[in-house]
Amino acid sequence: MNYMAALRLLDTLRRGPRPATEALHASPEMAASPWIPSNGGEPGVRGRPSLFGMLRWLQQLGHTIADINRLNIIHVAGTKGKGGTCAYIECLLRAHGQKTGFPAKTGLYTSPHLINTEERIRINFRPLDKEVFARYVLETHRALQSSTGDPQDAPRYLQFLALVSFHTFIKEGVDVAIYETHQGGEYDATNVIPSPVVTAITAIDEDHIHQLGPSLKNIAWHKAGIFKAGAPAFSAPQQDAVATVLQERAAEKEVSLEFVEICSDFPADAPQLKPEVQLLNFSLARAVSNVFLQQKAPQDNITLSSHDIIQGVQAFSWPGRFQSILDGNLAWFLDGAHNKISLEKCAQWFAQSSSKMEWYFARLAYT
């Protein structure tokens, strides 16, 4: 299968929007799992939750729970900043690995992609080569096609891509895999991860309310579904109601939860850490990376050095998120804001950045 054929195959897996009705309690798989949030809110998942079927499909691919655990997964959920936080984690750990030898190879799974589908699955921050991506898509498709007779029982688009990512990282032998949830957490396809090394929650706000709501508490309940016993959890500062739900769910799962404030020692004037929300994402990523190293790195290299931090920040790039481009006498400001909190942050960033650019161009005109 070539690259274009792989993309056509993926397109066949796209389905219509989720139904407006709630998932049925009568479903055997639903009955086997917690359903109504403990905070008393209304159930928010519509249709069949994406998590169901994932473990069985992984097994059909020939992978076991032990295979997944050997990936040393960092799992990140939230409303805003998930992808950027994951990218910061990858850059920091890769910088540490370049100096110490661990991790020697990183895996990064994020969504959505900006231009090409293979951007979602990265090795050492580089998207998979088109041919490699096509090969792993084909291997995943063949394994599932041979064991799944009913087309309605086959994975949907995002489920399939998550399966391809697990298959890729196992085959490639990564030392750490950083995973961004699609949406939610409790019933997200990526939550097939049984034992992450550490989990993180970025800023939570109202988004995907038709699937996860209707209340902010419900959304927080779903996001906290990635918490797992034995895995330390970190969160960006949250609204009081959200923080309460996260603390309740952490207690239920016997998870230690720490809220991370903006760190005070960071590379000054680094454009990769502007605006302030990016510095907050970086601070969360730094805390997560340090705990990961304490859990998994050789004993003499269990924390990020100042060199790791500087190199990691310099290597950070996340196009389409708070991105500015100088093009002759034009300045482009790019951000994929798509919800209330994102639009507010984007507007603030644009106002501040554009005023600085006006000063820059005015000065340039007189030199």
Protein backbone atom coordinates (compact mmCIF):
# COMPACT_ATOMS: atom_id res chain seq x y z
CA MET A 1 0.00 0.00 0.00
CA ASN A 2 1.34 3.42 -0.93
CA TYR A 3 0.76 6.64 0.97
CA MET A 4 -2.24 7.86 -1.04
CA ALA A 5 -3.90 4.48 -0.71
CA ALA A 6 -3.40 4.68 3.06
CA LEU A 7 -5.12 8.07 3.14
CA ARG A 8 -8.04 6.74 1.07
CA LEU A 9 -8.37 3.85 3.49
CA LEU A 10 -8.45 6.23 6.44
CA ASP A 11 -11.13 8.32 4.75
CA THR A 12 -13.40 5.26 4.55
CA LEU A 13 -13.29 5.06 8.36
CA ARG A 14 -14.81 8.48 8.86
CA ARG A 15 -18.40 8.30 10.00
CA GLY A 16 -21.19 10.75 10.67
CA PRO A 17 -21.59 12.75 13.87
CA ARG A 18 -22.37 10.96 17.09
CA PRO A 19 -26.07 10.45 17.79
CA ALA A 20 -27.80 12.96 20.05
CA THR A 21 -29.02 10.21 22.38
CA GLU A 22 -27.01 9.00 25.33
CA ALA A 23 -25.24 5.65 25.24
CA LEU A 24 -27.50 2.94 26.56
CA HIS A 25 -26.94 1.62 30.06
CA ALA A 26 -28.07 -1.76 28.74
CA SER A 27 -24.89 -2.22 26.75
CA PRO A 28 -22.83 -5.02 28.36
CA GLU A 29 -19.66 -2.98 27.96
CA MET A 30 -21.31 0.11 29.45
CA ALA A 31 -22.66 -1.89 32.37
CA ALA A 32 -19.15 -3.08 33.19
CA SER A 33 -17.83 0.48 33.65
CA PRO A 34 -18.58 3.46 35.90
CA TRP A 35 -21.04 5.73 34.15
CA ILE A 36 -22.66 8.61 36.01
CA PRO A 37 -20.14 11.13 37.41
CA SER A 38 -19.85 10.96 41.17
CA ASN A 39 -20.41 14.73 41.40
CA GLY A 40 -24.07 14.22 40.55
CA GLY A 41 -24.02 15.62 37.03
CA GLU A 42 -25.75 14.18 34.02
CA PRO A 43 -24.00 11.61 31.79
CA GLY A 44 -22.40 13.27 28.80
CA VAL A 45 -21.15 10.65 26.34
CA ARG A 46 -23.24 10.21 23.19
CA GLY A 47 -23.26 7.06 21.12
CA ARG A 48 -20.79 4.24 21.70
CA PRO A 49 -17.78 5.53 23.70
CA SER A 50 -14.52 5.40 21.78
CA LEU A 51 -12.70 3.32 24.38
CA PHE A 52 -14.80 0.23 23.77
CA GLY A 53 -13.18 -2.27 21.43
CA MET A 54 -9.69 -0.80 21.77
CA LEU A 55 -8.21 -3.53 23.96
CA ARG A 56 -9.64 -6.28 21.78
CA TRP A 57 -8.30 -4.62 18.62
CA LEU A 58 -4.86 -4.23 20.17
CA GLN A 59 -4.87 -7.92 20.98
CA GLN A 60 -5.88 -8.70 17.39
CA LEU A 61 -2.83 -6.68 16.33
CA GLY A 62 -0.76 -9.08 18.44
CA HIS A 63 -0.03 -6.65 21.28
CA THR A 64 -0.44 -7.31 24.98
CA ILE A 65 -0.94 -5.11 28.03
CA ALA A 66 2.75 -5.69 28.82
CA ASP A 67 3.66 -4.34 25.37
CA ILE A 68 1.67 -1.17 26.06
CA ASN A 69 3.21 -0.74 29.50
CA ARG A 70 6.73 -1.06 28.07
CA LEU A 71 6.09 2.12 26.06
CA ASN A 72 6.45 4.14 29.30
CA ILE A 73 3.46 6.32 28.52
CA ILE A 74 2.77 9.89 29.61
CA HIS A 75 -0.95 10.60 29.16
CA VAL A 76 -2.27 14.17 28.80
CA ALA A 77 -5.89 15.40 28.78
CA GLY A 78 -7.50 18.83 28.99
CA THR A 79 -9.38 21.41 26.94
CA LYS A 80 -6.66 23.83 25.91
CA GLY A 81 -2.92 23.27 25.53
CA LYS A 82 -2.82 19.46 25.36
CA GLY A 83 -0.83 19.28 22.14
CA GLY A 84 1.60 22.03 23.12
CA THR A 85 2.17 20.49 26.55
CA CYS A 86 2.86 17.11 24.94
CA ALA A 87 5.31 18.77 22.53
CA TYR A 88 7.11 20.51 25.41
CA ILE A 89 7.40 17.18 27.25
CA GLU A 90 8.83 15.52 24.16
CA CYS A 91 11.36 18.32 23.55
CA LEU A 92 12.53 18.34 27.17
CA LEU A 93 12.91 14.57 27.37
CA ARG A 94 14.59 14.37 23.97
CA ALA A 95 17.09 17.06 25.02
CA HIS A 96 17.80 15.08 28.18
CA GLY A 97 18.23 11.88 26.15
CA GLN A 98 20.64 13.48 23.71
CA LYS A 99 22.94 14.23 26.64
CA THR A 100 22.43 11.13 28.80
CA GLY A 101 21.24 8.41 26.42
CA PHE A 102 17.76 8.10 27.98
CA PRO A 103 15.30 8.37 26.44
CA ALA A 104 17.09 7.47 23.23
CA LYS A 105 13.90 7.39 21.18
CA THR A 106 10.65 9.27 21.84
CA GLY A 107 7.16 8.71 20.51
CA LEU A 108 4.54 11.47 20.31
CA TYR A 109 0.85 11.04 19.46
CA THR A 110 -1.31 14.16 19.08
CA SER A 111 -4.43 15.27 17.25
CA PRO A 112 -5.62 16.84 15.11
CA HIS A 113 -2.98 17.24 12.43
CA LEU A 114 -2.33 20.60 10.80
CA ILE A 115 -1.45 19.60 7.22
CA ASN A 116 -0.61 15.88 6.86
CA THR A 117 -2.13 12.96 8.75
CA GLU A 118 1.24 11.45 9.67
CA GLU A 119 1.98 14.52 11.82
CA ARG A 120 -0.10 12.81 14.50
CA ILE A 121 2.50 10.05 14.98
CA ARG A 122 6.08 11.16 15.53
CA ILE A 123 9.40 9.52 16.36
CA ASN A 124 11.93 11.89 17.93
CA PHE A 125 9.51 14.68 17.05
CA ARG A 126 9.68 13.95 13.32
CA PRO A 127 6.41 12.84 11.68
CA LEU A 128 6.61 9.35 10.24
CA ASP A 129 7.90 9.16 6.69
CA LYS A 130 4.99 8.72 4.30
CA GLU A 131 6.11 5.21 3.31
CA VAL A 132 6.54 4.14 6.95
CA PHE A 133 3.16 5.60 7.87
CA ALA A 134 1.51 3.75 4.98
CA ARG A 135 3.17 0.48 6.01
CA TYR A 136 1.91 0.66 9.58
CA VAL A 137 -1.57 1.65 8.39
CA LEU A 138 -1.60 -1.40 6.12
CA GLU A 139 -0.36 -3.75 8.85
CA THR A 140 -3.04 -2.49 11.23
CA HIS A 141 -5.75 -2.76 8.59
CA ARG A 142 -4.80 -6.30 7.57
CA ALA A 143 -4.65 -7.57 11.14
CA LEU A 144 -8.09 -6.18 11.97
CA GLN A 145 -9.66 -7.07 8.63
CA SER A 146 -8.72 -10.72 9.01
CA SER A 147 -10.36 -10.98 12.43
CA THR A 148 -13.31 -8.58 12.18
CA GLY A 149 -16.13 -9.78 9.97
CA ASP A 150 -18.71 -7.11 10.82
CA PRO A 151 -17.86 -3.64 9.36
CA GLN A 152 -19.86 -2.05 12.20
CA ASP A 153 -17.47 -3.71 14.64
CA ALA A 154 -14.42 -2.11 13.03
CA PRO A 155 -12.61 0.91 14.54
CA ARG A 156 -13.59 4.40 13.49
CA TYR A 157 -11.11 6.98 12.18
CA LEU A 158 -9.63 8.20 15.48
CA GLN A 159 -9.70 4.75 17.04
CA PHE A 160 -7.82 3.38 14.05
CA LEU A 161 -5.17 6.12 14.19
CA ALA A 162 -4.66 5.48 17.91
CA LEU A 163 -4.20 1.78 17.12
CA VAL A 164 -1.68 2.65 14.40
CA SER A 165 0.22 4.78 16.91
CA PHE A 166 0.45 1.99 19.49
CA HIS A 167 1.51 -0.46 16.77
CA THR A 168 4.13 2.00 15.49
CA PHE A 169 5.66 2.80 18.87
CA ILE A 170 5.86 -0.87 19.83
CA LYS A 171 7.50 -1.80 16.52
CA GLU A 172 9.89 1.17 16.67
CA GLY A 173 10.89 0.45 20.28
CA VAL A 174 10.44 3.92 21.78
CA ASP A 175 11.65 4.60 25.33
CA VAL A 176 8.75 6.94 26.09
CA ALA A 177 5.42 7.62 24.38
CA ILE A 178 3.57 10.86 25.03
CA TYR A 179 -0.17 10.62 24.31
CA GLU A 180 -2.71 13.39 23.89
CA THR A 181 -6.33 12.35 24.32
CA HIS A 182 -8.74 12.96 21.45
CA GLN A 183 -11.44 14.44 23.68
CA GLY A 184 -12.57 13.69 27.19
CA GLY A 185 -10.57 11.00 28.94
CA GLU A 186 -12.62 8.37 30.74
CA TYR A 187 -14.05 6.86 27.56
CA ASP A 188 -11.47 8.20 25.10
CA ALA A 189 -9.85 5.67 22.78
CA THR A 190 -6.41 6.48 24.18
CA ASN A 191 -7.56 5.51 27.68
CA VAL A 192 -6.88 1.89 26.86
CA ILE A 193 -3.51 2.74 28.42
CA PRO A 194 -3.56 0.67 31.65
CA SER A 195 -0.52 1.94 33.56
CA PRO A 196 0.88 5.30 32.48
CA VAL A 197 4.03 6.49 34.20
CA VAL A 198 2.50 9.92 34.86
CA THR A 199 -0.64 11.80 33.78
CA ALA A 200 -1.35 15.50 33.25
CA ILE A 201 -4.40 17.74 32.86
CA THR A 202 -4.13 21.06 31.05
CA ALA A 203 -6.62 23.94 31.39
CA ILE A 204 -10.24 22.73 31.38
CA ASP A 205 -13.13 24.75 30.00
CA GLU A 206 -16.39 24.18 28.13
CA ASP A 207 -15.72 22.25 24.94
CA HIS A 208 -17.30 19.17 23.32
CA ILE A 209 -20.25 19.76 25.63
CA HIS A 210 -22.54 17.67 23.42
CA GLN A 211 -20.36 14.63 24.12
CA LEU A 212 -18.99 15.41 27.60
CA GLY A 213 -21.33 17.95 29.19
CA PRO A 214 -23.61 19.56 29.87
CA SER A 215 -21.75 20.99 32.86
CA LEU A 216 -18.13 21.97 33.42
CA LYS A 217 -18.08 19.45 36.28
CA ASN A 218 -19.02 16.67 33.88
CA ILE A 219 -16.24 17.70 31.51
CA ALA A 220 -13.73 17.69 34.37
CA TRP A 221 -14.97 14.25 35.46
CA HIS A 222 -14.27 12.86 31.99
CA LYS A 223 -10.83 14.49 31.71
CA ALA A 224 -9.78 13.02 35.07
CA GLY A 225 -10.62 9.57 33.73
CA ILE A 226 -6.98 9.21 32.64
CA PHE A 227 -5.87 9.11 36.29
CA LYS A 228 -4.56 5.65 37.18
CA ALA A 229 -3.55 4.23 40.54
CA GLY A 230 0.20 4.31 40.99
CA ALA A 231 0.76 7.07 38.43
CA PRO A 232 1.38 10.58 39.80
CA ALA A 233 -0.94 13.22 38.31
CA PHE A 234 -0.34 16.88 37.60
CA SER A 235 -2.70 19.66 36.61
CA ALA A 236 -2.51 23.24 35.47
CA PRO A 237 -4.33 25.69 37.77
CA GLN A 238 -8.09 25.26 37.37
CA GLN A 239 -11.34 26.96 38.24
CA ASP A 240 -12.47 26.03 41.77
CA ALA A 241 -15.30 23.76 40.59
CA VAL A 242 -12.97 21.92 38.21
CA ALA A 243 -10.21 21.58 40.80
CA THR A 244 -12.69 20.05 43.24
CA VAL A 245 -13.78 17.40 40.74
CA LEU A 246 -10.17 16.56 39.87
CA GLN A 247 -9.31 16.20 43.56
CA GLU A 248 -12.35 13.97 44.15
CA ARG A 249 -11.48 11.70 41.24
CA ALA A 250 -7.84 11.54 42.30
CA ALA A 251 -8.93 10.48 45.78
CA GLU A 252 -11.27 7.84 44.33
CA LYS A 253 -8.44 6.39 42.27
CA GLU A 254 -5.85 6.79 45.08
CA VAL A 255 -3.73 9.07 42.92
CA SER A 256 -1.48 11.87 44.14
CA LEU A 257 -2.49 15.08 42.35
CA GLU A 258 -0.39 18.25 42.24
CA PHE A 259 -1.45 21.59 40.76
CA VAL A 260 1.47 23.25 38.97
CA GLU A 261 2.03 26.99 39.01
CA ILE A 262 4.22 28.91 36.55
CA CYS A 263 7.85 28.13 37.31
CA SER A 264 10.16 31.01 38.19
CA ASP A 265 13.36 29.80 36.54
CA PHE A 266 12.98 29.54 32.80
CA PRO A 267 14.89 30.79 29.74
CA ALA A 268 14.23 34.53 29.74
CA ASP A 269 12.87 36.13 26.56
CA ALA A 270 12.44 32.77 24.80
CA PRO A 271 9.81 33.32 22.09
CA GLN A 272 8.79 29.66 22.49
CA LEU A 273 7.44 30.52 25.96
CA LYS A 274 5.17 33.38 24.90
CA PRO A 275 2.40 34.21 25.61
CA GLU A 276 2.03 33.39 29.32
CA VAL A 277 -0.26 30.43 28.63
CA GLN A 278 2.64 28.77 26.82
CA LEU A 279 4.82 29.32 29.88
CA LEU A 280 2.12 27.61 31.94
CA ASN A 281 2.07 24.66 29.52
CA PHE A 282 5.87 24.52 29.71
CA SER A 283 5.78 24.57 33.54
CA LEU A 284 3.35 21.64 33.54
CA ALA A 285 5.50 19.78 31.00
CA ARG A 286 8.62 20.37 33.07
CA ALA A 287 7.03 18.96 36.23
CA VAL A 288 5.77 15.91 34.34
CA SER A 289 9.15 15.33 32.65
CA ASN A 290 11.03 15.45 35.95
CA VAL A 291 8.72 12.92 37.58
CA PHE A 292 8.99 10.68 34.52
CA LEU A 293 12.79 10.73 34.78
CA GLN A 294 12.63 10.00 38.50
CA GLN A 295 10.51 6.95 37.71
CA LYS A 296 12.33 5.61 34.65
CA ALA A 297 15.78 7.14 34.11
CA PRO A 298 19.07 5.68 35.41
CA GLN A 299 19.68 6.84 38.96
CA ASP A 300 22.38 9.35 38.08
CA ASN A 301 20.16 11.21 35.55
CA ILE A 302 16.82 11.67 37.26
CA THR A 303 16.14 15.35 36.67
CA LEU A 304 16.27 17.90 33.88
CA SER A 305 19.40 20.02 33.90
CA SER A 306 19.44 23.71 32.98
CA HIS A 307 21.07 22.64 29.70
CA ASP A 308 18.20 20.21 29.01
CA ILE A 309 15.67 22.99 29.61
CA ILE A 310 17.41 25.50 27.36
CA GLN A 311 17.88 22.95 24.58
CA GLY A 312 14.34 21.67 24.93
CA VAL A 313 12.80 25.12 24.75
CA GLN A 314 14.90 26.05 21.74
CA ALA A 315 13.80 22.86 19.97
CA PHE A 316 10.10 23.49 20.65
CA SER A 317 7.93 24.19 17.62
CA TRP A 318 4.16 23.81 17.37
CA PRO A 319 2.92 25.43 14.14
CA GLY A 320 -0.54 26.94 14.16
CA ARG A 321 -0.44 27.60 17.89
CA PHE A 322 0.53 31.17 18.87
CA GLN A 323 2.69 31.29 15.76
CA SER A 324 3.94 34.51 14.18
CA ILE A 325 5.66 34.71 10.80
CA LEU A 326 7.48 37.69 9.33
CA ASP A 327 6.99 37.85 5.57
CA GLY A 328 8.68 40.92 4.15
CA ASN A 329 6.63 43.87 5.34
CA LEU A 330 3.82 41.62 6.54
CA ALA A 331 3.35 39.84 9.86
CA TRP A 332 1.12 36.76 10.05
CA PHE A 333 -0.40 35.61 13.34
CA LEU A 334 -1.63 32.01 13.34
CA ASP A 335 -3.57 30.11 15.98
CA GLY A 336 -6.17 27.37 15.76
CA ALA A 337 -8.41 28.73 18.50
CA HIS A 338 -11.73 26.87 18.48
CA ASN A 339 -13.37 27.40 21.87
CA LYS A 340 -14.03 30.22 24.34
CA ILE A 341 -10.87 29.93 26.39
CA SER A 342 -8.74 29.54 23.25
CA LEU A 343 -10.29 32.60 21.57
CA GLU A 344 -9.73 34.75 24.66
CA LYS A 345 -6.07 33.76 24.90
CA CYS A 346 -5.61 34.17 21.15
CA ALA A 347 -7.11 37.68 21.21
CA GLN A 348 -4.85 38.72 24.09
CA TRP A 349 -1.79 37.31 22.34
CA PHE A 350 -2.66 39.02 19.06
CA ALA A 351 -3.22 42.38 20.74
CA GLN A 352 0.12 42.23 22.52
CA SER A 353 2.11 40.78 19.62
CA SER A 354 0.67 42.98 16.90
CA SER A 355 1.45 46.16 18.87
CA LYS A 356 5.06 45.02 19.17
CA MET A 357 5.16 44.28 15.45
CA GLU A 358 3.82 47.78 14.67
CA TRP A 359 6.71 49.22 16.68
CA TYR A 360 9.15 46.93 14.87
CA PHE A 361 7.95 47.92 11.39
CA ALA A 362 7.83 51.61 12.34
CA ARG A 363 11.43 51.43 13.52
CA LEU A 364 12.43 49.48 10.42
CA ALA A 365 10.97 52.20 8.18
CA TYR A 366 13.30 54.80 9.64
CA THR A 367 16.53 52.76 9.45
